[in-house]
């Protein structure tokens, strides 16, 4: 099952852009987009992006929007990098 996480980042050099992390089949894809009419492009995650992904996943766990197995998969992907 595919899981999608997204948030906005404000950078002093690049401006404001949207980050999306897609977890599917044990793989993690990072994308970013700056503006409504631009295409999604590959994004190299920072440590802040990884911590934000983990916190977003932790928020979904108590509401059962994410299973403990899926959360463990995200944690293991972070350790593999």
C-alpha atoms as a PDB file:
ATOM      1  CA  UNK A   1       0.000   0.000   0.000  1.00  0.00           C
ATOM      2  CA  UNK A   2       1.322   3.410  -0.946  1.00  0.00           C
ATOM      3  CA  UNK A   3       1.683   6.137   1.687  1.00  0.00           C
ATOM      4  CA  UNK A   4       2.075   9.804   0.849  1.00  0.00           C
ATOM      5  CA  UNK A   5       3.308  12.566   3.140  1.00  0.00           C
ATOM      6  CA  UNK A   6       3.528  16.211   2.214  1.00  0.00           C
ATOM      7  CA  UNK A   7       4.421  19.575   3.744  1.00  0.00           C
ATOM      8  CA  UNK A   8       5.654  23.049   2.837  1.00  0.00           C
ATOM      9  CA  UNK A   9       9.214  24.301   3.413  1.00  0.00           C
ATOM     10  CA  UNK A  10      10.367  27.908   3.463  1.00  0.00           C
ATOM     11  CA  UNK A  11      14.026  28.332   2.497  1.00  0.00           C
ATOM     12  CA  UNK A  12      15.783  31.733   2.427  1.00  0.00           C
ATOM     13  CA  UNK A  13      17.598  30.916  -0.833  1.00  0.00           C
ATOM     14  CA  UNK A  14      15.013  28.837  -2.711  1.00  0.00           C
ATOM     15  CA  UNK A  15      11.810  30.396  -1.360  1.00  0.00           C
ATOM     16  CA  UNK A  16       8.716  28.403  -0.452  1.00  0.00           C
ATOM     17  CA  UNK A  17       8.232  24.937  -1.949  1.00  0.00           C
ATOM     18  CA  UNK A  18       6.209  21.803  -1.333  1.00  0.00           C
ATOM     19  CA  UNK A  19       7.895  18.510  -0.408  1.00  0.00           C
ATOM     20  CA  UNK A  20       6.267  15.128  -0.949  1.00  0.00           C
ATOM     21  CA  UNK A  21       7.566  11.758   0.286  1.00  0.00           C
ATOM     22  CA  UNK A  22       5.992   8.653  -1.250  1.00  0.00           C
ATOM     23  CA  UNK A  23       6.614   5.242   0.325  1.00  0.00           C
ATOM     24  CA  UNK A  24       5.661   2.304  -1.889  1.00  0.00           C
ATOM     25  CA  UNK A  25       6.958  -1.240  -1.953  1.00  0.00           C
ATOM     26  CA  UNK A  26       9.851  -0.637   0.411  1.00  0.00           C
ATOM     27  CA  UNK A  27      11.096   2.317  -1.641  1.00  0.00           C
ATOM     28  CA  UNK A  28      10.987   6.004  -0.784  1.00  0.00           C
ATOM     29  CA  UNK A  29      10.657   8.723  -3.407  1.00  0.00           C
ATOM     30  CA  UNK A  30      11.251  12.395  -2.554  1.00  0.00           C
ATOM     31  CA  UNK A  31       9.709  15.073  -4.759  1.00  0.00           C
ATOM     32  CA  UNK A  32       9.434  18.850  -4.593  1.00  0.00           C
ATOM     33  CA  UNK A  33       7.399  21.485  -6.380  1.00  0.00           C
ATOM     34  CA  UNK A  34       7.619  25.265  -6.317  1.00  0.00           C
ATOM     35  CA  UNK A  35       4.375  26.868  -7.454  1.00  0.00           C
ATOM     36  CA  UNK A  36       1.079  25.644  -8.851  1.00  0.00           C
ATOM     37  CA  UNK A  37       2.014  25.291 -12.496  1.00  0.00           C
ATOM     38  CA  UNK A  38       5.416  23.659 -12.135  1.00  0.00           C
ATOM     39  CA  UNK A  39       6.228  19.961 -12.404  1.00  0.00           C
ATOM     40  CA  UNK A  40       7.328  17.707  -9.569  1.00  0.00           C
ATOM     41  CA  UNK A  41      11.098  17.219  -9.547  1.00  0.00           C
ATOM     42  CA  UNK A  42      13.454  14.999  -7.558  1.00  0.00           C
ATOM     43  CA  UNK A  43      14.402  16.279  -4.119  1.00  0.00           C
ATOM     44  CA  UNK A  44      17.416  15.357  -2.032  1.00  0.00           C
ATOM     45  CA  UNK A  45      16.169  15.217   1.586  1.00  0.00           C
ATOM     46  CA  UNK A  46      17.886  17.040   4.422  1.00  0.00           C
ATOM     47  CA  UNK A  47      17.989  15.925   8.043  1.00  0.00           C
ATOM     48  CA  UNK A  48      15.024  18.243   8.711  1.00  0.00           C
ATOM     49  CA  UNK A  49      13.035  16.476   5.976  1.00  0.00           C
ATOM     50  CA  UNK A  50      13.741  13.081   7.537  1.00  0.00           C
ATOM     51  CA  UNK A  51      12.709  14.263  10.995  1.00  0.00           C
ATOM     52  CA  UNK A  52       9.546  15.859   9.567  1.00  0.00           C
ATOM     53  CA  UNK A  53       8.655  12.593   7.779  1.00  0.00           C
ATOM     54  CA  UNK A  54       9.129  10.640  11.014  1.00  0.00           C
ATOM     55  CA  UNK A  55       7.013  13.106  13.006  1.00  0.00           C
ATOM     56  CA  UNK A  56       4.234  13.066  10.369  1.00  0.00           C
ATOM     57  CA  UNK A  57       4.220   9.255  10.487  1.00  0.00           C
ATOM     58  CA  UNK A  58       4.126   9.285  14.314  1.00  0.00           C
ATOM     59  CA  UNK A  59       1.096  11.593  14.215  1.00  0.00           C
ATOM     60  CA  UNK A  60      -0.808   9.135  12.001  1.00  0.00           C
ATOM     61  CA  UNK A  61      -0.028   6.094  14.161  1.00  0.00           C
ATOM     62  CA  UNK A  62      -2.466   6.695  17.081  1.00  0.00           C
ATOM     63  CA  UNK A  63      -5.329   7.421  14.682  1.00  0.00           C
ATOM     64  CA  UNK A  64      -4.623   4.122  12.871  1.00  0.00           C
ATOM     65  CA  UNK A  65      -4.018   5.844   9.552  1.00  0.00           C
ATOM     66  CA  UNK A  66      -0.684   4.062   9.501  1.00  0.00           C
ATOM     67  CA  UNK A  67       0.066   0.575  10.788  1.00  0.00           C
ATOM     68  CA  UNK A  68       3.003  -0.154  13.109  1.00  0.00           C
ATOM     69  CA  UNK A  69       4.495  -2.287  10.333  1.00  0.00           C
ATOM     70  CA  UNK A  70       4.398   0.668   7.903  1.00  0.00           C
ATOM     71  CA  UNK A  71       5.949   2.935  10.537  1.00  0.00           C
ATOM     72  CA  UNK A  72       8.749   0.422  11.094  1.00  0.00           C
ATOM     73  CA  UNK A  73       9.331   0.378   7.324  1.00  0.00           C
ATOM     74  CA  UNK A  74       9.774   4.171   7.287  1.00  0.00           C
ATOM     75  CA  UNK A  75      12.207   3.977  10.224  1.00  0.00           C
ATOM     76  CA  UNK A  76      14.226   1.269   8.453  1.00  0.00           C
ATOM     77  CA  UNK A  77      14.379   3.379   5.262  1.00  0.00           C
ATOM     78  CA  UNK A  78      15.815   6.225   7.298  1.00  0.00           C
ATOM     79  CA  UNK A  79      18.470   3.923   8.773  1.00  0.00           C
ATOM     80  CA  UNK A  80      19.436   2.617   5.315  1.00  0.00           C
ATOM     81  CA  UNK A  81      20.330   6.016   3.891  1.00  0.00           C
END
